[in-house]
PDB file of all heavy atoms in Angstrom:
ATOM      1  N   LYS A   1     167.808-269.371  10.836  1.00  0.00           N
ATOM      2  CA  LYS A   1     168.205-270.162   9.663  1.00  0.00           C
ATOM      3  C   LYS A   1     167.454-269.703   8.426  1.00  0.00           C
ATOM      4  O   LYS A   1     168.042-269.463   7.361  1.00  0.00           O
ATOM      5  CB  LYS A   1     167.927-271.651   9.912  1.00  0.00           C
ATOM      6  CG  LYS A   1     168.864-272.338  10.878  1.00  0.00           C
ATOM      7  CD  LYS A   1     168.477-273.811  11.014  1.00  0.00           C
ATOM      8  CE  LYS A   1     169.350-274.527  12.009  1.00  0.00           C
ATOM      9  NZ  LYS A   1     168.936-275.954  12.181  1.00  0.00           N
ATOM     10  N   THR A   2     166.139-269.567   8.550  1.00  0.00           N
ATOM     11  CA  THR A   2     165.309-269.150   7.422  1.00  0.00           C
ATOM     12  C   THR A   2     165.703-267.762   6.932  1.00  0.00           C
ATOM     13  O   THR A   2     165.805-267.511   5.722  1.00  0.00           O
ATOM     14  CB  THR A   2     163.823-269.165   7.819  1.00  0.00           C
ATOM     15  OG1 THR A   2     163.455-270.485   8.214  1.00  0.00           O
ATOM     16  CG2 THR A   2     162.940-268.719   6.667  1.00  0.00           C
ATOM     17  N   LEU A   3     165.948-266.856   7.876  1.00  0.00           N
ATOM     18  CA  LEU A   3     166.313-265.494   7.532  1.00  0.00           C
ATOM     19  C   LEU A   3     167.624-265.443   6.756  1.00  0.00           C
ATOM     20  O   LEU A   3     167.707-264.831   5.681  1.00  0.00           O
ATOM     21  CB  LEU A   3     166.424-264.653   8.807  1.00  0.00           C
ATOM     22  CG  LEU A   3     167.079-263.283   8.644  1.00  0.00           C
ATOM     23  CD1 LEU A   3     166.263-262.401   7.718  1.00  0.00           C
ATOM     24  CD2 LEU A   3     167.262-262.614   9.992  1.00  0.00           C
ATOM     25  N   TYR A   4     168.657-266.099   7.292  1.00  0.00           N
ATOM     26  CA  TYR A   4     169.974-265.990   6.658  1.00  0.00           C
ATOM     27  C   TYR A   4     170.009-266.708   5.307  1.00  0.00           C
ATOM     28  O   TYR A   4     170.702-266.253   4.387  1.00  0.00           O
ATOM     29  CB  TYR A   4     171.058-266.493   7.595  1.00  0.00           C
ATOM     30  CG  TYR A   4     171.245-265.586   8.799  1.00  0.00           C
ATOM     31  CD1 TYR A   4     170.957-266.023  10.091  1.00  0.00           C
ATOM     32  CD2 TYR A   4     171.679-264.279   8.636  1.00  0.00           C
ATOM     33  CE1 TYR A   4     171.104-265.190  11.185  1.00  0.00           C
ATOM     34  CE2 TYR A   4     171.828-263.429   9.724  1.00  0.00           C
ATOM     35  CZ  TYR A   4     171.539-263.893  10.996  1.00  0.00           C
ATOM     36  OH  TYR A   4     171.678-263.050  12.079  1.00  0.00           O
ATOM     37  N   VAL A   5     169.275-267.792   5.163  1.00  0.00           N
ATOM     38  CA  VAL A   5     169.170-268.437   3.844  1.00  0.00           C
ATOM     39  C   VAL A   5     168.548-267.471   2.844  1.00  0.00           C
ATOM     40  O   VAL A   5     168.971-267.382   1.691  1.00  0.00           O
ATOM     41  CB  VAL A   5     168.359-269.746   3.926  1.00  0.00           C
ATOM     42  CG1 VAL A   5     167.966-270.236   2.532  1.00  0.00           C
ATOM     43  CG2 VAL A   5     169.165-270.829   4.648  1.00  0.00           C
ATOM     44  N   SER A   6     167.552-266.707   3.291  1.00  0.00           N
ATOM     45  CA  SER A   6     166.894-265.752   2.387  1.00  0.00           C
ATOM     46  C   SER A   6     167.844-264.639   1.957  1.00  0.00           C
ATOM     47  O   SER A   6     167.612-263.984   0.945  1.00  0.00           O
ATOM     48  CB  SER A   6     165.654-265.146   3.054  1.00  0.00           C
ATOM     49  OG  SER A   6     165.993-264.140   3.995  1.00  0.00           O
ATOM     50  N   LEU A   7     168.932-264.446   2.713  1.00  0.00           N
ATOM     51  CA  LEU A   7     169.925-263.428   2.380  1.00  0.00           C
ATOM     52  C   LEU A   7     171.077-264.004   1.562  1.00  0.00           C
ATOM     53  O   LEU A   7     172.075-263.327   1.325  1.00  0.00           O
ATOM     54  CB  LEU A   7     170.483-262.798   3.668  1.00  0.00           C
ATOM     55  CG  LEU A   7     169.481-262.061   4.564  1.00  0.00           C
ATOM     56  CD1 LEU A   7     170.164-261.606   5.844  1.00  0.00           C
ATOM     57  CD2 LEU A   7     168.876-260.870   3.828  1.00  0.00           C
ATOM     58  N   GLY A   8     170.950-265.261   1.153  1.00  0.00           N
ATOM     59  CA  GLY A   8     171.987-265.889   0.356  1.00  0.00           C
ATOM     60  C   GLY A   8     173.136-266.426   1.171  1.00  0.00           C
ATOM     61  O   GLY A   8     174.259-266.543   0.664  1.00  0.00           O
ATOM     62  N   MET A   9     172.880-266.798   2.438  1.00  0.00           N
ATOM     63  CA  MET A   9     173.941-267.246   3.326  1.00  0.00           C
ATOM     64  C   MET A   9     173.813-268.728   3.665  1.00  0.00           C
ATOM     65  O   MET A   9     172.789-269.365   3.380  1.00  0.00           O
ATOM     66  CB  MET A   9     173.953-266.403   4.608  1.00  0.00           C
ATOM     67  CG  MET A   9     174.091-264.910   4.344  1.00  0.00           C
ATOM     68  SD  MET A   9     174.277-263.886   5.817  1.00  0.00           S
ATOM     69  CE  MET A   9     176.031-264.139   6.176  1.00  0.00           C
ATOM     70  N   LYS A  10     174.855-269.270   4.262  1.00  0.00           N
ATOM     71  CA  LYS A  10     174.907-270.668   4.686  1.00  0.00           C
ATOM     72  C   LYS A  10     174.969-270.698   6.209  1.00  0.00           C
ATOM     73  O   LYS A  10     176.030-270.569   6.810  1.00  0.00           O
ATOM     74  CB  LYS A  10     176.139-271.358   4.088  1.00  0.00           C
ATOM     75  CG  LYS A  10     176.405-272.768   4.618  1.00  0.00           C
ATOM     76  CD  LYS A  10     175.355-273.752   4.181  1.00  0.00           C
ATOM     77  CE  LYS A  10     175.747-275.172   4.633  1.00  0.00           C
ATOM     78  NZ  LYS A  10     174.723-276.161   4.240  1.00  0.00           N
ATOM     79  N   PRO A  11     173.825-270.859   6.888  1.00  0.00           N
ATOM     80  CA  PRO A  11     173.850-270.933   8.351  1.00  0.00           C
ATOM     81  C   PRO A  11     174.391-272.274   8.832  1.00  0.00           C
ATOM     82  O   PRO A  11     173.996-273.327   8.329  1.00  0.00           O
ATOM     83  CB  PRO A  11     172.381-270.747   8.739  1.00  0.00           C
ATOM     84  CG  PRO A  11     171.597-271.139   7.531  1.00  0.00           C
ATOM     85  CD  PRO A  11     172.466-270.876   6.340  1.00  0.00           C
ATOM     86  N   LEU A  12     175.312-272.216   9.769  1.00  0.00           N
ATOM     87  CA  LEU A  12     175.885-273.414  10.381  1.00  0.00           C
ATOM     88  C   LEU A  12     175.529-273.392  11.860  1.00  0.00           C
ATOM     89  O   LEU A  12     175.993-272.527  12.608  1.00  0.00           O
ATOM     90  CB  LEU A  12     177.403-273.433  10.194  1.00  0.00           C
ATOM     91  CG  LEU A  12     178.171-274.567  10.893  1.00  0.00           C
ATOM     92  CD1 LEU A  12     177.747-275.925  10.357  1.00  0.00           C
ATOM     93  CD2 LEU A  12     179.671-274.369  10.726  1.00  0.00           C
ATOM     94  N   HIS A  13     174.678-274.334  12.286  1.00  0.00           N
ATOM     95  CA  HIS A  13     174.225-274.358  13.673  1.00  0.00           C
ATOM     96  C   HIS A  13     175.269-275.051  14.544  1.00  0.00           C
ATOM     97  O   HIS A  13     175.503-276.253  14.415  1.00  0.00           O
ATOM     98  CB  HIS A  13     172.885-275.100  13.769  1.00  0.00           C
ATOM     99  CG  HIS A  13     172.304-275.103  15.154  1.00  0.00           C
ATOM    100  ND1 HIS A  13     171.299-275.969  15.531  1.00  0.00           N
ATOM    101  CD2 HIS A  13     172.593-274.365  16.263  1.00  0.00           C
ATOM    102  CE1 HIS A  13     170.996-275.755  16.792  1.00  0.00           C
ATOM    103  NE2 HIS A  13     171.768-274.780  17.253  1.00  0.00           N
ATOM    104  N   VAL A  14     175.888-274.281  15.421  1.00  0.00           N
ATOM    105  CA  VAL A  14     176.838-274.825  16.397  1.00  0.00           C
ATOM    106  C   VAL A  14     176.011-275.286  17.588  1.00  0.00           C
ATOM    107  O   VAL A  14     175.477-274.471  18.334  1.00  0.00           O
ATOM    108  CB  VAL A  14     177.874-273.756  16.811  1.00  0.00           C
ATOM    109  CG1 VAL A  14     178.899-274.364  17.782  1.00  0.00           C
ATOM    110  CG2 VAL A  14     178.566-273.195  15.583  1.00  0.00           C
ATOM    111  N   ARG A  15     175.904-276.592  17.753  1.00  0.00           N
ATOM    112  CA  ARG A  15     174.906-277.138  18.682  1.00  0.00           C
ATOM    113  C   ARG A  15     175.248-276.970  20.152  1.00  0.00           C
ATOM    114  O   ARG A  15     174.373-277.059  20.999  1.00  0.00           O
ATOM    115  CB  ARG A  15     174.682-278.615  18.362  1.00  0.00           C
ATOM    116  CG  ARG A  15     173.994-278.839  17.017  1.00  0.00           C
ATOM    117  CD  ARG A  15     173.724-280.302  16.772  1.00  0.00           C
ATOM    118  NE  ARG A  15     174.944-281.087  16.701  1.00  0.00           N
ATOM    119  CZ  ARG A  15     175.682-281.231  15.609  1.00  0.00           C
ATOM    120  NH1 ARG A  15     175.305-280.621  14.496  1.00  0.00           N
ATOM    121  NH2 ARG A  15     176.771-281.955  15.616  1.00  0.00           N
ATOM    122  N   ARG A  16     176.538-276.736  20.476  1.00  0.00           N
ATOM    123  CA  ARG A  16     176.926-276.521  21.864  1.00  0.00           C
ATOM    124  C   ARG A  16     177.752-275.254  21.963  1.00  0.00           C
ATOM    125  O   ARG A  16     178.571-274.962  21.098  1.00  0.00           O
ATOM    126  CB  ARG A  16     177.752-277.708  22.394  1.00  0.00           C
ATOM    127  CG  ARG A  16     176.936-278.979  22.556  1.00  0.00           C
ATOM    128  CD  ARG A  16     177.846-280.140  22.945  1.00  0.00           C
ATOM    129  NE  ARG A  16     178.622-279.869  24.142  1.00  0.00           N
ATOM    130  CZ  ARG A  16     179.600-280.662  24.596  1.00  0.00           C
ATOM    131  NH1 ARG A  16     179.931-281.758  23.924  1.00  0.00           N
ATOM    132  NH2 ARG A  16     180.251-280.353  25.697  1.00  0.00           N
ATOM    133  N   GLU A  17     177.538-274.512  23.040  1.00  0.00           N
ATOM    134  CA  GLU A  17     178.317-273.304  23.260  1.00  0.00           C
ATOM    135  C   GLU A  17     179.792-273.630  23.465  1.00  0.00           C
ATOM    136  O   GLU A  17     180.140-274.513  24.245  1.00  0.00           O
ATOM    137  CB  GLU A  17     177.815-272.568  24.496  1.00  0.00           C
ATOM    138  CG  GLU A  17     176.564-271.751  24.293  1.00  0.00           C
ATOM    139  CD  GLU A  17     176.234-270.927  25.525  1.00  0.00           C
ATOM    140  OE1 GLU A  17     175.743-271.509  26.508  1.00  0.00           O
ATOM    141  OE2 GLU A  17     176.473-269.712  25.508  1.00  0.00           O
ATOM    142  N   ILE A  18     180.639-272.907  22.774  1.00  0.00           N
ATOM    143  CA  ILE A  18     182.076-273.039  22.952  1.00  0.00           C
ATOM    144  C   ILE A  18     182.712-271.728  22.510  1.00  0.00           C
ATOM    145  O   ILE A  18     182.277-271.124  21.523  1.00  0.00           O
ATOM    146  CB  ILE A  18     182.645-274.234  22.147  1.00  0.00           C
ATOM    147  CG1 ILE A  18     184.138-274.408  22.423  1.00  0.00           C
ATOM    148  CG2 ILE A  18     182.382-274.075  20.655  1.00  0.00           C
ATOM    149  CD1 ILE A  18     184.711-275.688  21.820  1.00  0.00           C
ATOM    150  N   GLU A  19     183.702-271.252  23.280  1.00  0.00           N
ATOM    151  CA  GLU A  19     184.337-269.988  22.949  1.00  0.00           C
ATOM    152  C   GLU A  19     184.919-270.021  21.539  1.00  0.00           C
ATOM    153  O   GLU A  19     185.552-270.987  21.151  1.00  0.00           O
ATOM    154  CB  GLU A  19     185.451-269.666  23.955  1.00  0.00           C
ATOM    155  CG  GLU A  19     184.964-269.363  25.365  1.00  0.00           C
ATOM    156  CD  GLU A  19     184.747-270.595  26.207  1.00  0.00           C
ATOM    157  OE1 GLU A  19     184.832-271.712  25.661  1.00  0.00           O
ATOM    158  OE2 GLU A  19     184.487-270.440  27.417  1.00  0.00           O
ATOM    159  N   ALA A  20     184.689-268.959  20.784  1.00  0.00           N
ATOM    160  CA  ALA A  20     185.205-268.779  19.422  1.00  0.00           C
ATOM    161  C   ALA A  20     184.564-269.712  18.405  1.00  0.00           C
ATOM    162  O   ALA A  20     184.945-269.706  17.231  1.00  0.00           O
ATOM    163  CB  ALA A  20     186.727-268.909  19.367  1.00  0.00           C
ATOM    164  N   PHE A  21     183.602-270.543  18.858  1.00  0.00           N
ATOM    165  CA  PHE A  21     182.791-271.349  17.943  1.00  0.00           C
ATOM    166  C   PHE A  21     183.650-272.314  17.117  1.00  0.00           C
ATOM    167  O   PHE A  21     184.530-272.968  17.682  1.00  0.00           O
ATOM    168  CB  PHE A  21     181.906-270.437  17.091  1.00  0.00           C
ATOM    169  CG  PHE A  21     181.399-269.243  17.845  1.00  0.00           C
ATOM    170  CD1 PHE A  21     181.528-267.947  17.354  1.00  0.00           C
ATOM    171  CD2 PHE A  21     180.822-269.400  19.106  1.00  0.00           C
ATOM    172  CE1 PHE A  21     181.087-266.847  18.078  1.00  0.00           C
ATOM    173  CE2 PHE A  21     180.376-268.307  19.841  1.00  0.00           C
ATOM    174  CZ  PHE A  21     180.514-267.042  19.317  1.00  0.00           C
ATOM    175  N   ILE A  22     183.424-272.442  15.814  1.00  0.00           N
ATOM    176  CA  ILE A  22     184.153-273.440  15.027  1.00  0.00           C
ATOM    177  C   ILE A  22     185.230-272.792  14.155  1.00  0.00           C
ATOM    178  O   ILE A  22     186.421-273.056  14.306  1.00  0.00           O
ATOM    179  CB  ILE A  22     183.182-274.247  14.135  1.00  0.00           C
ATOM    180  CG1 ILE A  22     182.204-275.050  15.006  1.00  0.00           C
ATOM    181  CG2 ILE A  22     183.968-275.187  13.217  1.00  0.00           C
ATOM    182  CD1 ILE A  22     181.119-275.755  14.221  1.00  0.00           C
ATOM    183  N   ALA A  23     184.834-271.939  13.238  1.00  0.00           N
ATOM    184  CA  ALA A  23     185.770-271.402  12.253  1.00  0.00           C
ATOM    185  C   ALA A  23     186.876-270.580  12.896  1.00  0.00           C
ATOM    186  O   ALA A  23     188.047-270.695  12.517  1.00  0.00           O
ATOM    187  CB  ALA A  23     185.025-270.575  11.215  1.00  0.00           C
ATOM    188  N   ASP A  24     186.537-269.754  13.880  1.00  0.00           N
ATOM    189  CA  ASP A  24     187.572-268.930  14.501  1.00  0.00           C
ATOM    190  C   ASP A  24     188.573-269.773  15.282  1.00  0.00           C
ATOM    191  O   ASP A  24     189.756-269.421  15.360  1.00  0.00           O
ATOM    192  CB  ASP A  24     186.934-267.884  15.422  1.00  0.00           C
ATOM    193  CG  ASP A  24     186.561-266.616  14.677  1.00  0.00           C
ATOM    194  OD1 ASP A  24     186.752-266.579  13.447  1.00  0.00           O
ATOM    195  OD2 ASP A  24     186.077-265.663  15.315  1.00  0.00           O
ATOM    196  N   ARG A  25     188.116-270.875  15.871  1.00  0.00           N
ATOM    197  CA  ARG A  25     189.061-271.739  16.581  1.00  0.00           C
ATOM    198  C   ARG A  25     190.074-272.331  15.599  1.00  0.00           C
ATOM    199  O   ARG A  25     191.260-272.455  15.905  1.00  0.00           O
ATOM    200  CB  ARG A  25     188.309-272.860  17.309  1.00  0.00           C
ATOM    201  CG  ARG A  25     187.443-272.348  18.446  1.00  0.00           C
ATOM    202  CD  ARG A  25     186.665-273.475  19.103  1.00  0.00           C
ATOM    203  NE  ARG A  25     187.515-274.275  19.954  1.00  0.00           N
ATOM    204  CZ  ARG A  25     187.709-274.055  21.260  1.00  0.00           C
ATOM    205  NH1 ARG A  25     187.124-273.022  21.841  1.00  0.00           N
ATOM    206  NH2 ARG A  25     188.477-274.844  21.973  1.00  0.00           N
ATOM    207  N   LEU A  26     189.604-272.685  14.412  1.00  0.00           N
ATOM    208  CA  LEU A  26     190.509-273.217  13.395  1.00  0.00           C
ATOM    209  C   LEU A  26     191.467-272.133  12.903  1.00  0.00           C
ATOM    210  O   LEU A  26     192.673-272.373  12.744  1.00  0.00           O
ATOM    211  CB  LEU A  26     189.700-273.777  12.225  1.00  0.00           C
ATOM    212  CG  LEU A  26     188.774-274.952  12.561  1.00  0.00           C
ATOM    213  CD1 LEU A  26     187.907-275.298  11.360  1.00  0.00           C
ATOM    214  CD2 LEU A  26     189.581-276.169  13.004  1.00  0.00           C
ATOM    215  N   MET A  27     190.948-270.936  12.667  1.00  0.00           N
ATOM    216  CA  MET A  27     191.797-269.846  12.188  1.00  0.00           C
ATOM    217  C   MET A  27     192.809-269.418  13.239  1.00  0.00           C
ATOM    218  O   MET A  27     193.956-269.080  12.921  1.00  0.00           O
ATOM    219  CB  MET A  27     190.932-268.663  11.759  1.00  0.00           C
ATOM    220  CG  MET A  27     190.141-268.928  10.485  1.00  0.00           C
ATOM    221  SD  MET A  27     189.333-267.447   9.811  1.00  0.00           S
ATOM    222  CE  MET A  27     188.102-267.128  11.059  1.00  0.00           C
ATOM    223  N   GLU A  28     192.402-269.442  14.519  1.00  0.00           N
ATOM    224  CA  GLU A  28     193.315-269.067  15.594  1.00  0.00           C
ATOM    225  C   GLU A  28     194.481-270.044  15.694  1.00  0.00           C
ATOM    226  O   GLU A  28     195.613-269.652  15.995  1.00  0.00           O
ATOM    227  CB  GLU A  28     192.569-269.001  16.923  1.00  0.00           C
ATOM    228  CG  GLU A  28     191.702-267.772  17.090  1.00  0.00           C
ATOM    229  CD  GLU A  28     192.497-266.489  17.188  1.00  0.00           C
ATOM    230  OE1 GLU A  28     193.605-266.509  17.758  1.00  0.00           O
ATOM    231  OE2 GLU A  28     192.020-265.463  16.662  1.00  0.00           O
ATOM    232  N   ALA A  29     194.213-271.330  15.451  1.00  0.00           N
ATOM    233  CA  ALA A  29     195.288-272.322  15.495  1.00  0.00           C
ATOM    234  C   ALA A  29     196.336-272.003  14.428  1.00  0.00           C
ATOM    235  O   ALA A  29     197.548-272.013  14.695  1.00  0.00           O
ATOM    236  CB  ALA A  29     194.721-273.722  15.285  1.00  0.00           C
ATOM    237  N   LEU A  30     195.900-271.707  13.224  1.00  0.00           N
ATOM    238  CA  LEU A  30     196.824-271.362  12.150  1.00  0.00           C
ATOM    239  C   LEU A  30     197.540-270.045  12.462  1.00  0.00           C
ATOM    240  O   LEU A  30     198.744-269.899  12.205  1.00  0.00           O
ATOM    241  CB  LEU A  30     196.063-271.273  10.834  1.00  0.00           C
ATOM    242  CG  LEU A  30     196.894-271.132   9.556  1.00  0.00           C
ATOM    243  CD1 LEU A  30     196.160-271.776   8.391  1.00  0.00           C
ATOM    244  CD2 LEU A  30     197.213-269.682   9.231  1.00  0.00           C
TER     245      LEU A  30
END
């Protein structure tokens, strides 16, 4: 988290393992 913030990014912690995580699951549906 600290590293990616220092690179100007927005880390999103996915608290449980799930295939394709969050954003890709939404994009795959569309």
